[in-house]
Amino acid sequence: MKNFIIIFSLIICLFACKSKEQEDCLILKVKLEDKGVSFYDLFERLELIPLEINDNSLIKKISDVYSINDTLFVFDRSLRSLYTFDALTGTHLNTIMKVGHGPGEYIYM
């Protein structure tokens, strides 16, 4: 009976632990493998926004980039940090990089 309760509890935990999908975030994945499709067939224009470079905005390797409400969120998994930039001007707004075990710090992002 005790084993049944443990197994039943584990099954409930497995079904209860589902991650929520982000419904309000638009993710665009484009594969340009077809030789008949060019960049300009898919997009009207290309805009380059140079990002501000300072001691607090140095990025080692970009893992993900999100654009939400005129703010660019750049995630660097190797440094476990998140950088925010103004999407229109490229101005550095903030850096979240407090890796550690103390108060206000995090181990994994």
PDB file of N, CA and C in Angstrom:
ATOM      1  N   MET A   1       0.811  -1.197   0.000  1.00  0.00           N
ATOM      2  CA  MET A   1       0.000   0.000   0.000  1.00  0.00           C
ATOM      3  C   MET A   1       0.855   1.261   0.000  1.00  0.00           C
ATOM      4  N   LYS A   2       1.939   1.194   0.761  1.00  0.00           N
ATOM      5  CA  LYS A   2       2.836   2.351   0.845  1.00  0.00           C
ATOM      6  C   LYS A   2       3.476   2.646  -0.515  1.00  0.00           C
ATOM      7  N   ASN A   3       3.866   1.575  -1.239  1.00  0.00           N
ATOM      8  CA  ASN A   3       4.462   1.742  -2.573  1.00  0.00           C
ATOM      9  C   ASN A   3       3.451   2.338  -3.550  1.00  0.00           C
ATOM     10  N   PHE A   4       2.183   1.952  -3.417  1.00  0.00           N
ATOM     11  CA  PHE A   4       1.145   2.484  -4.292  1.00  0.00           C
ATOM     12  C   PHE A   4       0.985   3.987  -4.088  1.00  0.00           C
ATOM     13  N   ILE A   5       1.015   4.438  -2.851  1.00  0.00           N
ATOM     14  CA  ILE A   5       0.869   5.862  -2.552  1.00  0.00           C
ATOM     15  C   ILE A   5       2.055   6.649  -3.112  1.00  0.00           C
ATOM     16  N   ILE A   6       3.269   6.107  -2.993  1.00  0.00           N
ATOM     17  CA  ILE A   6       4.465   6.783  -3.516  1.00  0.00           C
ATOM     18  C   ILE A   6       4.403   6.871  -5.035  1.00  0.00           C
ATOM     19  N   ILE A   7       4.051   5.792  -5.697  1.00  0.00           N
ATOM     20  CA  ILE A   7       3.976   5.778  -7.164  1.00  0.00           C
ATOM     21  C   ILE A   7       2.870   6.712  -7.647  1.00  0.00           C
ATOM     22  N   PHE A   8       1.716   6.681  -6.972  1.00  0.00           N
ATOM     23  CA  PHE A   8       0.609   7.558  -7.329  1.00  0.00           C
ATOM     24  C   PHE A   8       1.005   9.026  -7.171  1.00  0.00           C
ATOM     25  N   SER A   9       1.730   9.352  -6.116  1.00  0.00           N
ATOM     26  CA  SER A   9       2.186  10.733  -5.891  1.00  0.00           C
ATOM     27  C   SER A   9       3.155  11.177  -6.975  1.00  0.00           C
ATOM     28  N   LEU A  10       4.060  10.291  -7.382  1.00  0.00           N
ATOM     29  CA  LEU A  10       5.014  10.618  -8.444  1.00  0.00           C
ATOM     30  C   LEU A  10       4.303  10.868  -9.772  1.00  0.00           C
ATOM     31  N   ILE A  11       3.301  10.072 -10.068  1.00  0.00           N
ATOM     32  CA  ILE A  11       2.554  10.248 -11.320  1.00  0.00           C
ATOM     33  C   ILE A  11       1.832  11.591 -11.313  1.00  0.00           C
ATOM     34  N   ILE A  12       1.235  11.961 -10.195  1.00  0.00           N
ATOM     35  CA  ILE A  12       0.549  13.254 -10.095  1.00  0.00           C
ATOM     36  C   ILE A  12       1.537  14.389 -10.277  1.00  0.00           C
ATOM     37  N   CYS A  13       2.723  14.275  -9.673  1.00  0.00           N
ATOM     38  CA  CYS A  13       3.744  15.321  -9.815  1.00  0.00           C
ATOM     39  C   CYS A  13       4.194  15.467 -11.257  1.00  0.00           C
ATOM     40  N   LEU A  14       4.346  14.352 -11.965  1.00  0.00           N
ATOM     41  CA  LEU A  14       4.788  14.415 -13.357  1.00  0.00           C
ATOM     42  C   LEU A  14       3.773  15.132 -14.231  1.00  0.00           C
ATOM     43  N   PHE A  15       2.500  14.880 -14.017  1.00  0.00           N
ATOM     44  CA  PHE A  15       1.480  15.533 -14.824  1.00  0.00           C
ATOM     45  C   PHE A  15       1.235  16.972 -14.400  1.00  0.00           C
ATOM     46  N   ALA A  16       1.535  17.293 -13.160  1.00  0.00           N
ATOM     47  CA  ALA A  16       1.326  18.659 -12.676  1.00  0.00           C
ATOM     48  C   ALA A  16       2.444  19.597 -13.104  1.00  0.00           C
ATOM     49  N   CYS A  17       3.617  19.083 -13.419  1.00  0.00           N
ATOM     50  CA  CYS A  17       4.779  19.911 -13.764  1.00  0.00           C
ATOM     51  C   CYS A  17       4.847  20.137 -15.262  1.00  0.00           C
ATOM     52  N   LYS A  18       4.003  20.997 -15.765  1.00  0.00           N
ATOM     53  CA  LYS A  18       4.023  21.353 -17.178  1.00  0.00           C
ATOM     54  C   LYS A  18       4.403  22.812 -17.288  1.00  0.00           C
ATOM     55  N   SER A  19       5.263  23.119 -18.238  1.00  0.00           N
ATOM     56  CA  SER A  19       5.665  24.516 -18.420  1.00  0.00           C
ATOM     57  C   SER A  19       4.607  25.244 -19.235  1.00  0.00           C
ATOM     58  N   LYS A  20       4.387  26.515 -18.892  1.00  0.00           N
ATOM     59  CA  LYS A  20       3.421  27.332 -19.624  1.00  0.00           C
ATOM     60  C   LYS A  20       4.089  27.920 -20.852  1.00  0.00           C
ATOM     61  N   GLU A  21       3.365  27.907 -21.941  1.00  0.00           N
ATOM     62  CA  GLU A  21       3.848  28.520 -23.168  1.00  0.00           C
ATOM     63  C   GLU A  21       3.677  30.027 -23.061  1.00  0.00           C
ATOM     64  N   GLN A  22       4.588  30.774 -23.634  1.00  0.00           N
ATOM     65  CA  GLN A  22       4.455  32.220 -23.672  1.00  0.00           C
ATOM     66  C   GLN A  22       3.536  32.572 -24.828  1.00  0.00           C
ATOM     67  N   GLU A  23       2.321  32.986 -24.496  1.00  0.00           N
ATOM     68  CA  GLU A  23       1.337  33.266 -25.528  1.00  0.00           C
ATOM     69  C   GLU A  23       1.435  34.693 -26.042  1.00  0.00           C
ATOM     70  N   ASP A  24       2.006  35.613 -25.257  1.00  0.00           N
ATOM     71  CA  ASP A  24       2.034  37.010 -25.666  1.00  0.00           C
ATOM     72  C   ASP A  24       3.327  37.390 -26.374  1.00  0.00           C
ATOM     73  N   CYS A  25       4.182  36.438 -26.638  1.00  0.00           N
ATOM     74  CA  CYS A  25       5.478  36.708 -27.254  1.00  0.00           C
ATOM     75  C   CYS A  25       5.488  36.131 -28.669  1.00  0.00           C
ATOM     76  N   LEU A  26       5.783  36.960 -29.649  1.00  0.00           N
ATOM     77  CA  LEU A  26       5.839  36.522 -31.036  1.00  0.00           C
ATOM     78  C   LEU A  26       7.230  35.977 -31.345  1.00  0.00           C
ATOM     79  N   ILE A  27       7.297  34.747 -31.788  1.00  0.00           N
ATOM     80  CA  ILE A  27       8.567  34.124 -32.161  1.00  0.00           C
ATOM     81  C   ILE A  27       8.499  33.834 -33.654  1.00  0.00           C
ATOM     82  N   LEU A  28       9.462  34.364 -34.390  1.00  0.00           N
ATOM     83  CA  LEU A  28       9.503  34.193 -35.830  1.00  0.00           C
ATOM     84  C   LEU A  28      10.712  33.341 -36.180  1.00  0.00           C
ATOM     85  N   LYS A  29      10.459  32.163 -36.720  1.00  0.00           N
ATOM     86  CA  LYS A  29      11.541  31.279 -37.140  1.00  0.00           C
ATOM     87  C   LYS A  29      11.481  31.173 -38.658  1.00  0.00           C
ATOM     88  N   VAL A  30      12.581  31.506 -39.298  1.00  0.00           N
ATOM     89  CA  VAL A  30      12.637  31.517 -40.755  1.00  0.00           C
ATOM     90  C   VAL A  30      13.783  30.628 -41.196  1.00  0.00           C
ATOM     91  N   LYS A  31      13.504  29.706 -42.088  1.00  0.00           N
ATOM     92  CA  LYS A  31      14.547  28.870 -42.665  1.00  0.00           C
ATOM     93  C   LYS A  31      14.793  29.344 -44.086  1.00  0.00           C
ATOM     94  N   LEU A  32      15.995  29.752 -44.375  1.00  0.00           N
ATOM     95  CA  LEU A  32      16.343  30.247 -45.707  1.00  0.00           C
ATOM     96  C   LEU A  32      17.125  29.196 -46.493  1.00  0.00           C
ATOM     97  N   GLU A  33      16.747  27.948 -46.351  1.00  0.00           N
ATOM     98  CA  GLU A  33      17.455  26.866 -47.020  1.00  0.00           C
ATOM     99  C   GLU A  33      17.087  26.740 -48.494  1.00  0.00           C
ATOM    100  N   ASP A  34      15.873  27.137 -48.855  1.00  0.00           N
ATOM    101  CA  ASP A  34      15.463  27.052 -50.249  1.00  0.00           C
ATOM    102  C   ASP A  34      16.246  28.068 -51.068  1.00  0.00           C
ATOM    103  N   LYS A  35      16.801  27.650 -52.166  1.00  0.00           N
ATOM    104  CA  LYS A  35      17.620  28.536 -52.980  1.00  0.00           C
ATOM    105  C   LYS A  35      16.775  29.559 -53.744  1.00  0.00           C
ATOM    106  N   GLY A  36      15.468  29.325 -53.880  1.00  0.00           N
ATOM    107  CA  GLY A  36      14.612  30.236 -54.616  1.00  0.00           C
ATOM    108  C   GLY A  36      14.068  31.388 -53.782  1.00  0.00           C
ATOM    109  N   VAL A  37      14.335  31.395 -52.494  1.00  0.00           N
ATOM    110  CA  VAL A  37      13.803  32.435 -51.610  1.00  0.00           C
ATOM    111  C   VAL A  37      14.948  33.328 -51.157  1.00  0.00           C
ATOM    112  N   SER A  38      14.755  34.626 -51.344  1.00  0.00           N
ATOM    113  CA  SER A  38      15.779  35.561 -50.859  1.00  0.00           C
ATOM    114  C   SER A  38      15.259  36.287 -49.629  1.00  0.00           C
ATOM    115  N   PHE A  39      16.132  36.959 -48.956  1.00  0.00           N
ATOM    116  CA  PHE A  39      15.786  37.737 -47.770  1.00  0.00           C
ATOM    117  C   PHE A  39      14.725  38.770 -48.114  1.00  0.00           C
ATOM    118  N   TYR A  40      14.873  39.431 -49.246  1.00  0.00           N
ATOM    119  CA  TYR A  40      13.973  40.505 -49.641  1.00  0.00           C
ATOM    120  C   TYR A  40      12.599  40.006 -50.082  1.00  0.00           C
ATOM    121  N   ASP A  41      12.471  38.705 -50.377  1.00  0.00           N
ATOM    122  CA  ASP A  41      11.154  38.133 -50.634  1.00  0.00           C
ATOM    123  C   ASP A  41      10.351  38.004 -49.340  1.00  0.00           C
ATOM    124  N   LEU A  42      11.045  37.867 -48.211  1.00  0.00           N
ATOM    125  CA  LEU A  42      10.383  37.675 -46.927  1.00  0.00           C
ATOM    126  C   LEU A  42      10.187  38.957 -46.140  1.00  0.00           C
ATOM    127  N   PHE A  43      11.090  39.925 -46.303  1.00  0.00           N
ATOM    128  CA  PHE A  43      11.055  41.150 -45.522  1.00  0.00           C
ATOM    129  C   PHE A  43      11.118  42.369 -46.434  1.00  0.00           C
ATOM    130  N   GLU A  44      10.460  43.452 -46.003  1.00  0.00           N
ATOM    131  CA  GLU A  44      10.462  44.684 -46.784  1.00  0.00           C
ATOM    132  C   GLU A  44      11.766  45.449 -46.649  1.00  0.00           C
ATOM    133  N   ARG A  45      12.311  45.485 -45.440  1.00  0.00           N
ATOM    134  CA  ARG A  45      13.504  46.296 -45.210  1.00  0.00           C
ATOM    135  C   ARG A  45      14.395  45.643 -44.167  1.00  0.00           C
ATOM    136  N   LEU A  46      15.606  46.111 -44.132  1.00  0.00           N
ATOM    137  CA  LEU A  46      16.599  45.645 -43.169  1.00  0.00           C
ATOM    138  C   LEU A  46      17.096  46.859 -42.404  1.00  0.00           C
ATOM    139  N   GLU A  47      17.025  46.797 -41.080  1.00  0.00           N
ATOM    140  CA  GLU A  47      17.507  47.892 -40.246  1.00  0.00           C
ATOM    141  C   GLU A  47      18.607  47.386 -39.345  1.00  0.00           C
ATOM    142  N   LEU A  48      19.739  48.045 -39.352  1.00  0.00           N
ATOM    143  CA  LEU A  48      20.826  47.713 -38.444  1.00  0.00           C
ATOM    144  C   LEU A  48      20.840  48.736 -37.325  1.00  0.00           C
ATOM    145  N   ILE A  49      20.816  48.260 -36.105  1.00  0.00           N
ATOM    146  CA  ILE A  49      20.837  49.140 -34.946  1.00  0.00           C
ATOM    147  C   ILE A  49      22.127  48.861 -34.184  1.00  0.00           C
ATOM    148  N   PRO A  50      23.102  49.760 -34.286  1.00  0.00           N
ATOM    149  CA  PRO A  50      24.341  49.533 -33.534  1.00  0.00           C
ATOM    150  C   PRO A  50      24.068  49.689 -32.039  1.00  0.00           C
ATOM    151  N   LEU A  51      24.466  48.678 -31.258  1.00  0.00           N
ATOM    152  CA  LEU A  51      24.247  48.706 -29.826  1.00  0.00           C
ATOM    153  C   LEU A  51      25.368  49.469 -29.133  1.00  0.00           C
ATOM    154  N   GLU A  52      25.002  50.226 -28.123  1.00  0.00           N
ATOM    155  CA  GLU A  52      25.979  50.996 -27.356  1.00  0.00           C
ATOM    156  C   GLU A  52      26.975  50.053 -26.686  1.00  0.00           C
ATOM    157  N   ILE A  53      28.240  50.408 -26.742  1.00  0.00           N
ATOM    158  CA  ILE A  53      29.291  49.609 -26.125  1.00  0.00           C
ATOM    159  C   ILE A  53      29.875  50.386 -24.957  1.00  0.00           C
ATOM    160  N   ASN A  54      29.812  49.780 -23.778  1.00  0.00           N
ATOM    161  CA  ASN A  54      30.476  50.331 -22.600  1.00  0.00           C
ATOM    162  C   ASN A  54      30.897  49.160 -21.708  1.00  0.00           C
ATOM    163  N   ASP A  55      31.469  49.438 -20.562  1.00  0.00           N
ATOM    164  CA  ASP A  55      31.965  48.375 -19.689  1.00  0.00           C
ATOM    165  C   ASP A  55      30.853  47.460 -19.184  1.00  0.00           C
ATOM    166  N   ASN A  56      29.616  47.945 -19.115  1.00  0.00           N
ATOM    167  CA  ASN A  56      28.496  47.152 -18.612  1.00  0.00           C
ATOM    168  C   ASN A  56      27.705  46.452 -19.704  1.00  0.00           C
ATOM    169  N   SER A  57      28.043  46.683 -20.962  1.00  0.00           N
ATOM    170  CA  SER A  57      27.252  46.100 -22.042  1.00  0.00           C
ATOM    171  C   SER A  57      28.072  45.181 -22.946  1.00  0.00           C
ATOM    172  N   LEU A  58      29.179  44.667 -22.460  1.00  0.00           N
ATOM    173  CA  LEU A  58      30.004  43.765 -23.272  1.00  0.00           C
ATOM    174  C   LEU A  58      29.405  42.364 -23.251  1.00  0.00           C
ATOM    175  N   ILE A  59      29.093  41.847 -24.424  1.00  0.00           N
ATOM    176  CA  ILE A  59      28.433  40.555 -24.574  1.00  0.00           C
ATOM    177  C   ILE A  59      29.440  39.565 -25.123  1.00  0.00           C
ATOM    178  N   LYS A  60      29.492  38.380 -24.511  1.00  0.00           N
ATOM    179  CA  LYS A  60      30.416  37.349 -24.969  1.00  0.00           C
ATOM    180  C   LYS A  60      29.818  36.545 -26.130  1.00  0.00           C
ATOM    181  N   LYS A  61      28.613  36.002 -25.917  1.00  0.00           N
ATOM    182  CA  LYS A  61      27.968  35.187 -26.955  1.00  0.00           C
ATOM    183  C   LYS A  61      26.453  35.344 -26.825  1.00  0.00           C
ATOM    184  N   ILE A  62      25.810  35.805 -27.877  1.00  0.00           N
ATOM    185  CA  ILE A  62      24.363  36.016 -27.855  1.00  0.00           C
ATOM    186  C   ILE A  62      23.659  34.667 -27.976  1.00  0.00           C
ATOM    187  N   SER A  63      22.801  34.382 -26.995  1.00  0.00           N
ATOM    188  CA  SER A  63      22.017  33.149 -27.020  1.00  0.00           C
ATOM    189  C   SER A  63      20.616  33.388 -27.570  1.00  0.00           C
ATOM    190  N   ASP A  64      19.965  34.459 -27.113  1.00  0.00           N
ATOM    191  CA  ASP A  64      18.608  34.792 -27.548  1.00  0.00           C
ATOM    192  C   ASP A  64      18.455  36.302 -27.619  1.00  0.00           C
ATOM    193  N   VAL A  65      17.589  36.765 -28.511  1.00  0.00           N
ATOM    194  CA  VAL A  65      17.256  38.187 -28.618  1.00  0.00           C
ATOM    195  C   VAL A  65      15.736  38.292 -28.738  1.00  0.00           C
ATOM    196  N   TYR A  66      15.149  39.132 -27.894  1.00  0.00           N
ATOM    197  CA  TYR A  66      13.716  39.381 -27.924  1.00  0.00           C
ATOM    198  C   TYR A  66      13.488  40.878 -28.030  1.00  0.00           C
ATOM    199  N   SER A  67      12.478  41.279 -28.774  1.00  0.00           N
ATOM    200  CA  SER A  67      12.102  42.680 -28.885  1.00  0.00           C
ATOM    201  C   SER A  67      10.685  42.826 -28.351  1.00  0.00           C
ATOM    202  N   ILE A  68      10.552  43.567 -27.235  1.00  0.00           N
ATOM    203  CA  ILE A  68       9.257  43.767 -26.591  1.00  0.00           C
ATOM    204  C   ILE A  68       9.118  45.246 -26.265  1.00  0.00           C
ATOM    205  N   ASN A  69       8.072  45.884 -26.801  1.00  0.00           N
ATOM    206  CA  ASN A  69       7.774  47.290 -26.506  1.00  0.00           C
ATOM    207  C   ASN A  69       8.989  48.205 -26.677  1.00  0.00           C
ATOM    208  N   ASP A  70       9.599  48.195 -27.817  1.00  0.00           N
ATOM    209  CA  ASP A  70      10.753  49.048 -28.138  1.00  0.00           C
ATOM    210  C   ASP A  70      11.959  48.812 -27.222  1.00  0.00           C
ATOM    211  N   THR A  71      12.059  47.630 -26.649  1.00  0.00           N
ATOM    212  CA  THR A  71      13.222  47.259 -25.841  1.00  0.00           C
ATOM    213  C   THR A  71      13.766  45.941 -26.370  1.00  0.00           C
ATOM    214  N   LEU A  72      15.076  45.890 -26.588  1.00  0.00           N
ATOM    215  CA  LEU A  72      15.735  44.648 -26.985  1.00  0.00           C
ATOM    216  C   LEU A  72      16.275  43.956 -25.740  1.00  0.00           C
ATOM    217  N   PHE A  73      15.948  42.691 -25.585  1.00  0.00           N
ATOM    218  CA  PHE A  73      16.473  41.874 -24.502  1.00  0.00           C
ATOM    219  C   PHE A  73      17.456  40.893 -25.125  1.00  0.00           C
ATOM    220  N   VAL A  74      18.712  40.997 -24.722  1.00  0.00           N
ATOM    221  CA  VAL A  74      19.771  40.144 -25.267  1.00  0.00           C
ATOM    222  C   VAL A  74      20.259  39.247 -24.137  1.00  0.00           C
ATOM    223  N   PHE A  75      20.116  37.935 -24.329  1.00  0.00           N
ATOM    224  CA  PHE A  75      20.517  36.975 -23.304  1.00  0.00           C
ATOM    225  C   PHE A  75      21.834  36.331 -23.693  1.00  0.00           C
ATOM    226  N   ASP A  76      22.782  36.352 -22.765  1.00  0.00           N
ATOM    227  CA  ASP A  76      24.089  35.715 -22.949  1.00  0.00           C
ATOM    228  C   ASP A  76      24.166  34.556 -21.971  1.00  0.00           C
ATOM    229  N   ARG A  77      23.946  33.347 -22.471  1.00  0.00           N
ATOM    230  CA  ARG A  77      23.936  32.160 -21.615  1.00  0.00           C
ATOM    231  C   ARG A  77      25.315  31.866 -21.040  1.00  0.00           C
ATOM    232  N   SER A  78      26.374  32.146 -21.786  1.00  0.00           N
ATOM    233  CA  SER A  78      27.715  31.832 -21.296  1.00  0.00           C
ATOM    234  C   SER A  78      28.102  32.704 -20.103  1.00  0.00           C
ATOM    235  N   LEU A  79      27.649  33.950 -20.070  1.00  0.00           N
ATOM    236  CA  LEU A  79      27.919  34.831 -18.929  1.00  0.00           C
ATOM    237  C   LEU A  79      26.761  34.848 -17.927  1.00  0.00           C
ATOM    238  N   ARG A  80      25.681  34.128 -18.251  1.00  0.00           N
ATOM    239  CA  ARG A  80      24.468  34.089 -17.424  1.00  0.00           C
ATOM    240  C   ARG A  80      23.991  35.504 -17.108  1.00  0.00           C
ATOM    241  N   SER A  81      23.805  36.277 -18.177  1.00  0.00           N
ATOM    242  CA  SER A  81      23.418  37.676 -18.012  1.00  0.00           C
ATOM    243  C   SER A  81      22.393  38.079 -19.060  1.00  0.00           C
ATOM    244  N   LEU A  82      21.644  39.135 -18.720  1.00  0.00           N
ATOM    245  CA  LEU A  82      20.618  39.674 -19.595  1.00  0.00           C
ATOM    246  C   LEU A  82      20.877  41.163 -19.762  1.00  0.00           C
ATOM    247  N   TYR A  83      20.932  41.608 -21.003  1.00  0.00           N
ATOM    248  CA  TYR A  83      21.198  43.013 -21.330  1.00  0.00           C
ATOM    249  C   TYR A  83      19.939  43.592 -21.959  1.00  0.00           C
ATOM    250  N   THR A  84      19.624  44.831 -21.630  1.00  0.00           N
ATOM    251  CA  THR A  84      18.497  45.503 -22.262  1.00  0.00           C
ATOM    252  C   THR A  84      19.004  46.743 -22.993  1.00  0.00           C
ATOM    253  N   PHE A  85      18.451  46.952 -24.187  1.00  0.00           N
ATOM    254  CA  PHE A  85      18.822  48.079 -25.043  1.00  0.00           C
ATOM    255  C   PHE A  85      17.555  48.717 -25.577  1.00  0.00           C
ATOM    256  N   ASP A  86      17.610  50.011 -25.837  1.00  0.00           N
ATOM    257  CA  ASP A  86      16.531  50.699 -26.528  1.00  0.00           C
ATOM    258  C   ASP A  86      16.546  50.205 -27.972  1.00  0.00           C
ATOM    259  N   ALA A  87      15.407  49.692 -28.445  1.00  0.00           N
ATOM    260  CA  ALA A  87      15.356  49.087 -29.777  1.00  0.00           C
ATOM    261  C   ALA A  87      15.452  50.115 -30.893  1.00  0.00           C
ATOM    262  N   LEU A  88      15.166  51.375 -30.607  1.00  0.00           N
ATOM    263  CA  LEU A  88      15.212  52.401 -31.653  1.00  0.00           C
ATOM    264  C   LEU A  88      16.593  53.040 -31.776  1.00  0.00           C
ATOM    265  N   THR A  89      17.275  53.236 -30.658  1.00  0.00           N
ATOM    266  CA  THR A  89      18.563  53.940 -30.686  1.00  0.00           C
ATOM    267  C   THR A  89      19.755  53.038 -30.399  1.00  0.00           C
ATOM    268  N   GLY A  90      19.534  51.866 -29.780  1.00  0.00           N
ATOM    269  CA  GLY A  90      20.626  50.979 -29.415  1.00  0.00           C
ATOM    270  C   GLY A  90      21.284  51.350 -28.096  1.00  0.00           C
ATOM    271  N   THR A  91      20.708  52.311 -27.366  1.00  0.00           N
ATOM    272  CA  THR A  91      21.266  52.750 -26.091  1.00  0.00           C
ATOM    273  C   THR A  91      21.143  51.647 -25.044  1.00  0.00           C
ATOM    274  N   HIS A  92      22.246  51.389 -24.329  1.00  0.00           N
ATOM    275  CA  HIS A  92      22.245  50.385 -23.272  1.00  0.00           C
ATOM    276  C   HIS A  92      21.419  50.895 -22.098  1.00  0.00           C
ATOM    277  N   LEU A  93      20.445  50.093 -21.650  1.00  0.00           N
ATOM    278  CA  LEU A  93      19.567  50.501 -20.562  1.00  0.00           C
ATOM    279  C   LEU A  93      19.962  49.862 -19.231  1.00  0.00           C
ATOM    280  N   ASN A  94      20.230  48.552 -19.258  1.00  0.00           N
ATOM    281  CA  ASN A  94      20.490  47.846 -18.009  1.00  0.00           C
ATOM    282  C   ASN A  94      21.173  46.511 -18.294  1.00  0.00           C
ATOM    283  N   THR A  95      21.878  46.017 -17.277  1.00  0.00           N
ATOM    284  CA  THR A  95      22.484  44.693 -17.343  1.00  0.00           C
ATOM    285  C   THR A  95      22.136  43.957 -16.067  1.00  0.00           C
ATOM    286  N   ILE A  96      21.650  42.730 -16.208  1.00  0.00           N
ATOM    287  CA  ILE A  96      21.393  41.882 -15.051  1.00  0.00           C
ATOM    288  C   ILE A  96      22.453  40.790 -15.075  1.00  0.00           C
ATOM    289  N   MET A  97      23.414  40.894 -14.147  1.00  0.00           N
ATOM    290  CA  MET A  97      24.492  39.913 -14.070  1.00  0.00           C
ATOM    291  C   MET A  97      24.962  39.841 -12.618  1.00  0.00           C
ATOM    292  N   LYS A  98      24.181  39.126 -11.822  1.00  0.00           N
ATOM    293  CA  LYS A  98      24.512  38.959 -10.406  1.00  0.00           C
ATOM    294  C   LYS A  98      24.570  37.477 -10.083  1.00  0.00           C
ATOM    295  N   VAL A  99      25.561  36.796 -10.617  1.00  0.00           N
ATOM    296  CA  VAL A  99      25.718  35.366 -10.412  1.00  0.00           C
ATOM    297  C   VAL A  99      26.406  35.136  -9.073  1.00  0.00           C
ATOM    298  N   GLY A 100      25.863  34.247  -8.282  1.00  0.00           N
ATOM    299  CA  GLY A 100      26.465  33.907  -6.995  1.00  0.00           C
ATOM    300  C   GLY A 100      25.471  33.210  -6.101  1.00  0.00           C
ATOM    301  N   HIS A 101      25.833  33.079  -4.832  1.00  0.00           N
ATOM    302  CA  HIS A 101      24.986  32.369  -3.869  1.00  0.00           C
ATOM    303  C   HIS A 101      24.460  33.290  -2.773  1.00  0.00           C
ATOM    304  N   GLY A 102      24.727  34.576  -2.853  1.00  0.00           N
ATOM    305  CA  GLY A 102      24.319  35.512  -1.813  1.00  0.00           C
ATOM    306  C   GLY A 102      22.948  36.102  -2.063  1.00  0.00           C
ATOM    307  N   PRO A 103      22.532  36.993  -1.160  1.00  0.00           N
ATOM    308  CA  PRO A 103      21.234  37.657  -1.310  1.00  0.00           C
ATOM    309  C   PRO A 103      21.205  38.516  -2.580  1.00  0.00           C
ATOM    310  N   GLY A 104      20.109  38.421  -3.332  1.00  0.00           N
ATOM    311  CA  GLY A 104      19.960  39.191  -4.558  1.00  0.00           C
ATOM    312  C   GLY A 104      20.748  38.619  -5.730  1.00  0.00           C
ATOM    313  N   GLU A 105      21.374  37.464  -5.554  1.00  0.00           N
ATOM    314  CA  GLU A 105      22.154  36.836  -6.624  1.00  0.00           C
ATOM    315  C   GLU A 105      21.432  35.560  -7.074  1.00  0.00           C
ATOM    316  N   TYR A 106      21.796  35.073  -8.237  1.00  0.00           N
ATOM    317  CA  TYR A 106      21.191  33.856  -8.761  1.00  0.00           C
ATOM    318  C   TYR A 106      22.280  32.909  -9.238  1.00  0.00           C
ATOM    319  N   ILE A 107      21.945  31.630  -9.286  1.00  0.00           N
ATOM    320  CA  ILE A 107      22.893  30.600  -9.717  1.00  0.00           C
ATOM    321  C   ILE A 107      22.729  30.333 -11.203  1.00  0.00           C
ATOM    322  N   TYR A 108      21.495  30.302 -11.671  1.00  0.00           N
ATOM    323  CA  TYR A 108      21.207  29.953 -13.062  1.00  0.00           C
ATOM    324  C   TYR A 108      20.105  30.857 -13.590  1.00  0.00           C
ATOM    325  N   MET A 109      20.240  31.262 -14.833  1.00  0.00           N
ATOM    326  CA  MET A 109      19.202  32.072 -15.461  1.00  0.00           C
ATOM    327  C   MET A 109      18.724  31.354 -16.701  1.00  0.00           C
TER     328      MET A 109
END
